[in-house]
All heavy atoms as atom14 arrays in JSON, in Angstrom:
{
  "sequence": "SAGRVFAEGAHDDTTVHAALMAVFDQAICIQR",
  "atom14_mask": [
    [1, 1, 1, 1, 1, 1, 0, 0, 0, 0, 0, 0, 0, 0],
    [1, 1, 1, 1, 1, 0, 0, 0, 0, 0, 0, 0, 0, 0],
    [1, 1, 1, 1, 0, 0, 0, 0, 0, 0, 0, 0, 0, 0],
    [1, 1, 1, 1, 1, 1, 1, 1, 1, 1, 1, 0, 0, 0],
    [1, 1, 1, 1, 1, 1, 1, 0, 0, 0, 0, 0, 0, 0],
    [1, 1, 1, 1, 1, 1, 1, 1, 1, 1, 1, 0, 0, 0],
    [1, 1, 1, 1, 1, 0, 0, 0, 0, 0, 0, 0, 0, 0],
    [1, 1, 1, 1, 1, 1, 1, 1, 1, 0, 0, 0, 0, 0],
    [1, 1, 1, 1, 0, 0, 0, 0, 0, 0, 0, 0, 0, 0],
    [1, 1, 1, 1, 1, 0, 0, 0, 0, 0, 0, 0, 0, 0],
    [1, 1, 1, 1, 1, 1, 1, 1, 1, 1, 0, 0, 0, 0],
    [1, 1, 1, 1, 1, 1, 1, 1, 0, 0, 0, 0, 0, 0],
    [1, 1, 1, 1, 1, 1, 1, 1, 0, 0, 0, 0, 0, 0],
    [1, 1, 1, 1, 1, 1, 1, 0, 0, 0, 0, 0, 0, 0],
    [1, 1, 1, 1, 1, 1, 1, 0, 0, 0, 0, 0, 0, 0],
    [1, 1, 1, 1, 1, 1, 1, 0, 0, 0, 0, 0, 0, 0],
    [1, 1, 1, 1, 1, 1, 1, 1, 1, 1, 0, 0, 0, 0],
    [1, 1, 1, 1, 1, 0, 0, 0, 0, 0, 0, 0, 0, 0],
    [1, 1, 1, 1, 1, 0, 0, 0, 0, 0, 0, 0, 0, 0],
    [1, 1, 1, 1, 1, 1, 1, 1, 0, 0, 0, 0, 0, 0],
    [1, 1, 1, 1, 1, 1, 1, 1, 0, 0, 0, 0, 0, 0],
    [1, 1, 1, 1, 1, 0, 0, 0, 0, 0, 0, 0, 0, 0],
    [1, 1, 1, 1, 1, 1, 1, 0, 0, 0, 0, 0, 0, 0],
    [1, 1, 1, 1, 1, 1, 1, 1, 1, 1, 1, 0, 0, 0],
    [1, 1, 1, 1, 1, 1, 1, 1, 0, 0, 0, 0, 0, 0],
    [1, 1, 1, 1, 1, 1, 1, 1, 1, 0, 0, 0, 0, 0],
    [1, 1, 1, 1, 1, 0, 0, 0, 0, 0, 0, 0, 0, 0],
    [1, 1, 1, 1, 1, 1, 1, 1, 0, 0, 0, 0, 0, 0],
    [1, 1, 1, 1, 1, 1, 0, 0, 0, 0, 0, 0, 0, 0],
    [1, 1, 1, 1, 1, 1, 1, 1, 0, 0, 0, 0, 0, 0],
    [1, 1, 1, 1, 1, 1, 1, 1, 1, 0, 0, 0, 0, 0],
    [1, 1, 1, 1, 1, 1, 1, 1, 1, 1, 1, 0, 0, 0]
  ],
  "atom14_positions": [
    [[-3.59, -8.69, 1.85], [-2.73, -9.62, 1.12], [-2.79, -10.97, 1.8], [-2.7, -11.05, 3.04], [-1.28, -9.1, 1.11], [-0.43, -9.99, 0.42], [0.0, 0.0, 0.0], [0.0, 0.0, 0.0], [0.0, 0.0, 0.0], [0.0, 0.0, 0.0], [0.0, 0.0, 0.0], [0.0, 0.0, 0.0], [0.0, 0.0, 0.0], [0.0, 0.0, 0.0]],
    [[-3.0, -12.02, 1.01], [-2.97, -13.41, 1.51], [-3.86, -13.62, 2.73], [-3.48, -14.29, 3.69], [-1.54, -13.81, 1.83], [0.0, 0.0, 0.0], [0.0, 0.0, 0.0], [0.0, 0.0, 0.0], [0.0, 0.0, 0.0], [0.0, 0.0, 0.0], [0.0, 0.0, 0.0], [0.0, 0.0, 0.0], [0.0, 0.0, 0.0], [0.0, 0.0, 0.0]],
    [[-5.08, -13.06, 2.69], [-6.05, -13.33, 3.74], [-5.84, -12.57, 5.03], [-6.43, -12.9, 6.06], [0.0, 0.0, 0.0], [0.0, 0.0, 0.0], [0.0, 0.0, 0.0], [0.0, 0.0, 0.0], [0.0, 0.0, 0.0], [0.0, 0.0, 0.0], [0.0, 0.0, 0.0], [0.0, 0.0, 0.0], [0.0, 0.0, 0.0], [0.0, 0.0, 0.0]],
    [[-5.0, -11.53, 4.97], [-4.73, -10.72, 6.16], [-4.77, -9.24, 5.81], [-4.56, -8.87, 4.66], [-3.36, -11.07, 6.75], [-3.26, -12.48, 7.32], [-1.87, -12.76, 7.86], [-1.81, -14.0, 8.59], [-1.6, -15.19, 8.03], [-1.4, -15.27, 6.72], [-1.58, -16.3, 8.76], [0.0, 0.0, 0.0], [0.0, 0.0, 0.0], [0.0, 0.0, 0.0]],
    [[-5.01, -8.41, 6.82], [-4.89, -6.96, 6.65], [-3.42, -6.6, 6.74], [-2.77, -6.82, 7.77], [-5.72, -6.2, 7.69], [-5.43, -4.7, 7.6], [-7.21, -6.44, 7.47], [0.0, 0.0, 0.0], [0.0, 0.0, 0.0], [0.0, 0.0, 0.0], [0.0, 0.0, 0.0], [0.0, 0.0, 0.0], [0.0, 0.0, 0.0], [0.0, 0.0, 0.0]],
    [[-2.89, -6.08, 5.65], [-1.47, -5.75, 5.55], [-1.19, -4.34, 6.09], [-0.14, -4.08, 6.68], [-1.03, -5.86, 4.09], [0.44, -5.89, 3.87], [1.2, -7.03, 4.19], [1.09, -4.8, 3.32], [2.56, -7.05, 3.98], [2.46, -4.82, 3.1], [3.2, -5.95, 3.43], [0.0, 0.0, 0.0], [0.0, 0.0, 0.0], [0.0, 0.0, 0.0]],
    [[-2.14, -3.43, 5.87], [-2.01, -2.05, 6.36], [-3.37, -1.39, 6.27], [-4.25, -1.81, 5.51], [-0.99, -1.27, 5.53], [0.0, 0.0, 0.0], [0.0, 0.0, 0.0], [0.0, 0.0, 0.0], [0.0, 0.0, 0.0], [0.0, 0.0, 0.0], [0.0, 0.0, 0.0], [0.0, 0.0, 0.0], [0.0, 0.0, 0.0], [0.0, 0.0, 0.0]],
    [[-3.54, -0.34, 7.05], [-4.76, 0.47, 6.97], [-4.44, 1.87, 7.45], [-3.54, 2.09, 8.27], [-5.89, -0.13, 7.81], [-5.56, -0.3, 9.28], [-6.75, -0.81, 10.08], [-7.83, -0.16, 10.03], [-6.62, -1.85, 10.73], [0.0, 0.0, 0.0], [0.0, 0.0, 0.0], [0.0, 0.0, 0.0], [0.0, 0.0, 0.0], [0.0, 0.0, 0.0]],
    [[-5.16, 2.84, 6.9], [-4.94, 4.22, 7.3], [-5.6, 5.19, 6.35], [-6.33, 4.79, 5.44], [0.0, 0.0, 0.0], [0.0, 0.0, 0.0], [0.0, 0.0, 0.0], [0.0, 0.0, 0.0], [0.0, 0.0, 0.0], [0.0, 0.0, 0.0], [0.0, 0.0, 0.0], [0.0, 0.0, 0.0], [0.0, 0.0, 0.0], [0.0, 0.0, 0.0]],
    [[-5.34, 6.46, 6.56], [-5.92, 7.51, 5.72], [-5.4, 7.4, 4.3], [-4.32, 6.86, 4.04], [-5.59, 8.88, 6.3], [0.0, 0.0, 0.0], [0.0, 0.0, 0.0], [0.0, 0.0, 0.0], [0.0, 0.0, 0.0], [0.0, 0.0, 0.0], [0.0, 0.0, 0.0], [0.0, 0.0, 0.0], [0.0, 0.0, 0.0], [0.0, 0.0, 0.0]],
    [[-6.16, 7.94, 3.36], [-5.81, 7.83, 1.94], [-4.49, 8.52, 1.6], [-3.85, 8.18, 0.6], [-6.93, 8.42, 1.07], [-7.02, 9.91, 1.15], [-7.6, 10.56, 2.22], [-6.59, 10.89, 0.31], [-7.54, 11.86, 2.02], [-6.93, 12.09, 0.88], [0.0, 0.0, 0.0], [0.0, 0.0, 0.0], [0.0, 0.0, 0.0], [0.0, 0.0, 0.0]],
    [[-4.07, 9.46, 2.44], [-2.82, 10.17, 2.18], [-1.67, 9.7, 3.07], [-0.63, 10.34, 3.13], [-3.03, 11.68, 2.35], [-3.55, 12.05, 3.74], [-3.84, 11.13, 4.54], [-3.68, 13.26, 4.02], [0.0, 0.0, 0.0], [0.0, 0.0, 0.0], [0.0, 0.0, 0.0], [0.0, 0.0, 0.0], [0.0, 0.0, 0.0], [0.0, 0.0, 0.0]],
    [[-1.84, 8.56, 3.73], [-0.82, 8.0, 4.62], [0.27, 7.34, 3.78], [0.0, 6.36, 3.06], [-1.48, 6.98, 5.56], [-0.55, 6.48, 6.64], [0.68, 6.41, 6.41], [-1.06, 6.1, 7.7], [0.0, 0.0, 0.0], [0.0, 0.0, 0.0], [0.0, 0.0, 0.0], [0.0, 0.0, 0.0], [0.0, 0.0, 0.0], [0.0, 0.0, 0.0]],
    [[1.49, 7.84, 3.87], [2.58, 7.29, 3.05], [2.91, 5.85, 3.43], [3.4, 5.09, 2.59], [3.84, 8.17, 3.17], [4.21, 8.29, 4.55], [3.59, 9.54, 2.59], [0.0, 0.0, 0.0], [0.0, 0.0, 0.0], [0.0, 0.0, 0.0], [0.0, 0.0, 0.0], [0.0, 0.0, 0.0], [0.0, 0.0, 0.0], [0.0, 0.0, 0.0]],
    [[2.63, 5.46, 4.68], [2.85, 4.07, 5.08], [1.88, 3.15, 4.33], [2.27, 2.05, 3.89], [2.66, 3.9, 6.6], [3.57, 4.76, 7.28], [2.91, 2.47, 7.02], [0.0, 0.0, 0.0], [0.0, 0.0, 0.0], [0.0, 0.0, 0.0], [0.0, 0.0, 0.0], [0.0, 0.0, 0.0], [0.0, 0.0, 0.0], [0.0, 0.0, 0.0]],
    [[0.65, 3.6, 4.18], [-0.34, 2.84, 3.42], [0.08, 2.76, 1.96], [-0.03, 1.71, 1.31], [-1.74, 3.46, 3.56], [-2.73, 2.81, 2.61], [-2.22, 3.33, 5.0], [0.0, 0.0, 0.0], [0.0, 0.0, 0.0], [0.0, 0.0, 0.0], [0.0, 0.0, 0.0], [0.0, 0.0, 0.0], [0.0, 0.0, 0.0], [0.0, 0.0, 0.0]],
    [[0.57, 3.86, 1.41], [1.04, 3.86, 0.02], [2.17, 2.85, -0.18], [2.18, 2.1, -1.17], [1.53, 5.26, -0.38], [0.45, 6.29, -0.36], [0.71, 7.64, -0.53], [-0.9, 6.18, -0.21], [-0.43, 8.31, -0.48], [-1.42, 7.46, -0.27], [0.0, 0.0, 0.0], [0.0, 0.0, 0.0], [0.0, 0.0, 0.0], [0.0, 0.0, 0.0]],
    [[3.11, 2.81, 0.76], [4.22, 1.87, 0.66], [3.72, 0.43, 0.72], [4.19, -0.44, -0.03], [5.23, 2.13, 1.77], [0.0, 0.0, 0.0], [0.0, 0.0, 0.0], [0.0, 0.0, 0.0], [0.0, 0.0, 0.0], [0.0, 0.0, 0.0], [0.0, 0.0, 0.0], [0.0, 0.0, 0.0], [0.0, 0.0, 0.0], [0.0, 0.0, 0.0]],
    [[2.75, 0.17, 1.59], [2.18, -1.17, 1.69], [1.46, -1.55, 0.41], [1.54, -2.69, -0.05], [1.22, -1.23, 2.88], [0.0, 0.0, 0.0], [0.0, 0.0, 0.0], [0.0, 0.0, 0.0], [0.0, 0.0, 0.0], [0.0, 0.0, 0.0], [0.0, 0.0, 0.0], [0.0, 0.0, 0.0], [0.0, 0.0, 0.0], [0.0, 0.0, 0.0]],
    [[0.75, -0.59, -0.18], [0.02, -0.84, -1.41], [0.98, -1.22, -2.54], [0.75, -2.18, -3.29], [-0.79, 0.4, -1.78], [-1.82, 0.29, -2.89], [-2.8, -0.82, -2.62], [-2.55, 1.62, -3.04], [0.0, 0.0, 0.0], [0.0, 0.0, 0.0], [0.0, 0.0, 0.0], [0.0, 0.0, 0.0], [0.0, 0.0, 0.0], [0.0, 0.0, 0.0]],
    [[2.08, -0.5, -2.65], [3.08, -0.82, -3.67], [3.71, -2.18, -3.41], [3.96, -2.96, -4.33], [4.14, 0.28, -3.73], [3.61, 1.6, -4.29], [4.88, 2.88, -4.53], [5.17, 3.38, -2.82], [0.0, 0.0, 0.0], [0.0, 0.0, 0.0], [0.0, 0.0, 0.0], [0.0, 0.0, 0.0], [0.0, 0.0, 0.0], [0.0, 0.0, 0.0]],
    [[3.9, -2.51, -2.13], [4.54, -3.78, -1.78], [3.67, -4.98, -2.15], [4.16, -5.97, -2.7], [4.87, -3.81, -0.29], [0.0, 0.0, 0.0], [0.0, 0.0, 0.0], [0.0, 0.0, 0.0], [0.0, 0.0, 0.0], [0.0, 0.0, 0.0], [0.0, 0.0, 0.0], [0.0, 0.0, 0.0], [0.0, 0.0, 0.0], [0.0, 0.0, 0.0]],
    [[2.36, -4.91, -1.87], [1.5, -6.06, -2.14], [1.31, -6.28, -3.63], [0.94, -7.38, -4.05], [0.14, -5.96, -1.42], [0.32, -5.88, 0.09], [-0.7, -4.81, -1.95], [0.0, 0.0, 0.0], [0.0, 0.0, 0.0], [0.0, 0.0, 0.0], [0.0, 0.0, 0.0], [0.0, 0.0, 0.0], [0.0, 0.0, 0.0], [0.0, 0.0, 0.0]],
    [[1.56, -5.24, -4.42], [1.51, -5.38, -5.88], [2.91, -5.52, -6.48], [3.12, -5.25, -7.67], [0.76, -4.2, -6.5], [-0.73, -4.28, -6.33], [-1.37, -3.53, -5.37], [-1.49, -5.13, -7.12], [-2.75, -3.61, -5.19], [-2.87, -5.22, -6.96], [-3.5, -4.46, -5.99], [0.0, 0.0, 0.0], [0.0, 0.0, 0.0], [0.0, 0.0, 0.0]],
    [[3.86, -5.94, -5.64], [5.23, -6.23, -6.11], [5.85, -5.07, -6.86], [6.56, -5.26, -7.85], [5.24, -7.5, -6.99], [4.82, -8.74, -6.22], [5.17, -8.83, -5.02], [4.16, -9.61, -6.81], [0.0, 0.0, 0.0], [0.0, 0.0, 0.0], [0.0, 0.0, 0.0], [0.0, 0.0, 0.0], [0.0, 0.0, 0.0], [0.0, 0.0, 0.0]],
    [[5.6, -3.86, -6.39], [6.17, -2.64, -6.95], [5.78, -2.41, -8.42], [6.45, -1.67, -9.14], [7.71, -2.65, -6.83], [8.22, -2.92, -5.43], [7.72, -1.91, -4.39], [7.59, -0.72, -4.69], [7.46, -2.37, -3.16], [0.0, 0.0, 0.0], [0.0, 0.0, 0.0], [0.0, 0.0, 0.0], [0.0, 0.0, 0.0], [0.0, 0.0, 0.0]],
    [[4.68, -3.06, -8.86], [4.21, -2.86, -10.23], [3.51, -1.51, -10.39], [3.22, -1.09, -11.52], [3.27, -3.98, -10.64], [0.0, 0.0, 0.0], [0.0, 0.0, 0.0], [0.0, 0.0, 0.0], [0.0, 0.0, 0.0], [0.0, 0.0, 0.0], [0.0, 0.0, 0.0], [0.0, 0.0, 0.0], [0.0, 0.0, 0.0], [0.0, 0.0, 0.0]],
    [[3.2, -0.86, -9.28], [2.61, 0.47, -9.31], [3.42, 1.4, -8.43], [4.2, 0.95, -7.58], [1.14, 0.46, -8.82], [1.1, -0.01, -7.36], [0.25, -0.4, -9.7], [-0.18, 0.3, -6.64], [0.0, 0.0, 0.0], [0.0, 0.0, 0.0], [0.0, 0.0, 0.0], [0.0, 0.0, 0.0], [0.0, 0.0, 0.0], [0.0, 0.0, 0.0]],
    [[3.24, 2.69, -8.65], [3.78, 3.68, -7.72], [2.7, 4.71, -7.45], [1.8, 4.91, -8.27], [5.06, 4.31, -8.24], [4.91, 5.09, -9.86], [0.0, 0.0, 0.0], [0.0, 0.0, 0.0], [0.0, 0.0, 0.0], [0.0, 0.0, 0.0], [0.0, 0.0, 0.0], [0.0, 0.0, 0.0], [0.0, 0.0, 0.0], [0.0, 0.0, 0.0]],
    [[2.77, 5.31, -6.27], [1.78, 6.3, -5.86], [2.4, 7.68, -6.0], [3.49, 7.94, -5.48], [1.33, 6.07, -4.4], [0.94, 4.6, -4.17], [0.18, 7.01, -4.05], [-0.22, 4.13, -4.99], [0.0, 0.0, 0.0], [0.0, 0.0, 0.0], [0.0, 0.0, 0.0], [0.0, 0.0, 0.0], [0.0, 0.0, 0.0], [0.0, 0.0, 0.0]],
    [[1.7, 8.55, -6.7], [2.21, 9.9, -6.93], [1.17, 10.93, -6.51], [-0.04, 10.69, -6.6], [2.55, 10.1, -8.41], [3.65, 9.18, -8.93], [3.95, 9.41, -10.4], [3.27, 10.17, -11.08], [4.99, 8.75, -10.9], [0.0, 0.0, 0.0], [0.0, 0.0, 0.0], [0.0, 0.0, 0.0], [0.0, 0.0, 0.0], [0.0, 0.0, 0.0]],
    [[1.65, 12.06, -6.06], [0.75, 13.16, -5.71], [0.39, 13.95, -6.97], [1.24, 14.24, -7.8], [1.41, 14.11, -4.71], [0.52, 15.27, -4.3], [1.25, 16.23, -3.39], [1.42, 15.69, -2.06], [0.51, 15.77, -1.08], [-0.65, 16.37, -1.31], [0.75, 15.27, 0.11], [0.0, 0.0, 0.0], [0.0, 0.0, 0.0], [0.0, 0.0, 0.0]]
  ]
}
């Protein structure tokens, strides 16, 4: 996001999922 690494980790890392939703302004949600 904005020229920086906001988060990184395994594909099933819930912290990464939260970061992904945050950078897209909660327009998406991650579901199992």
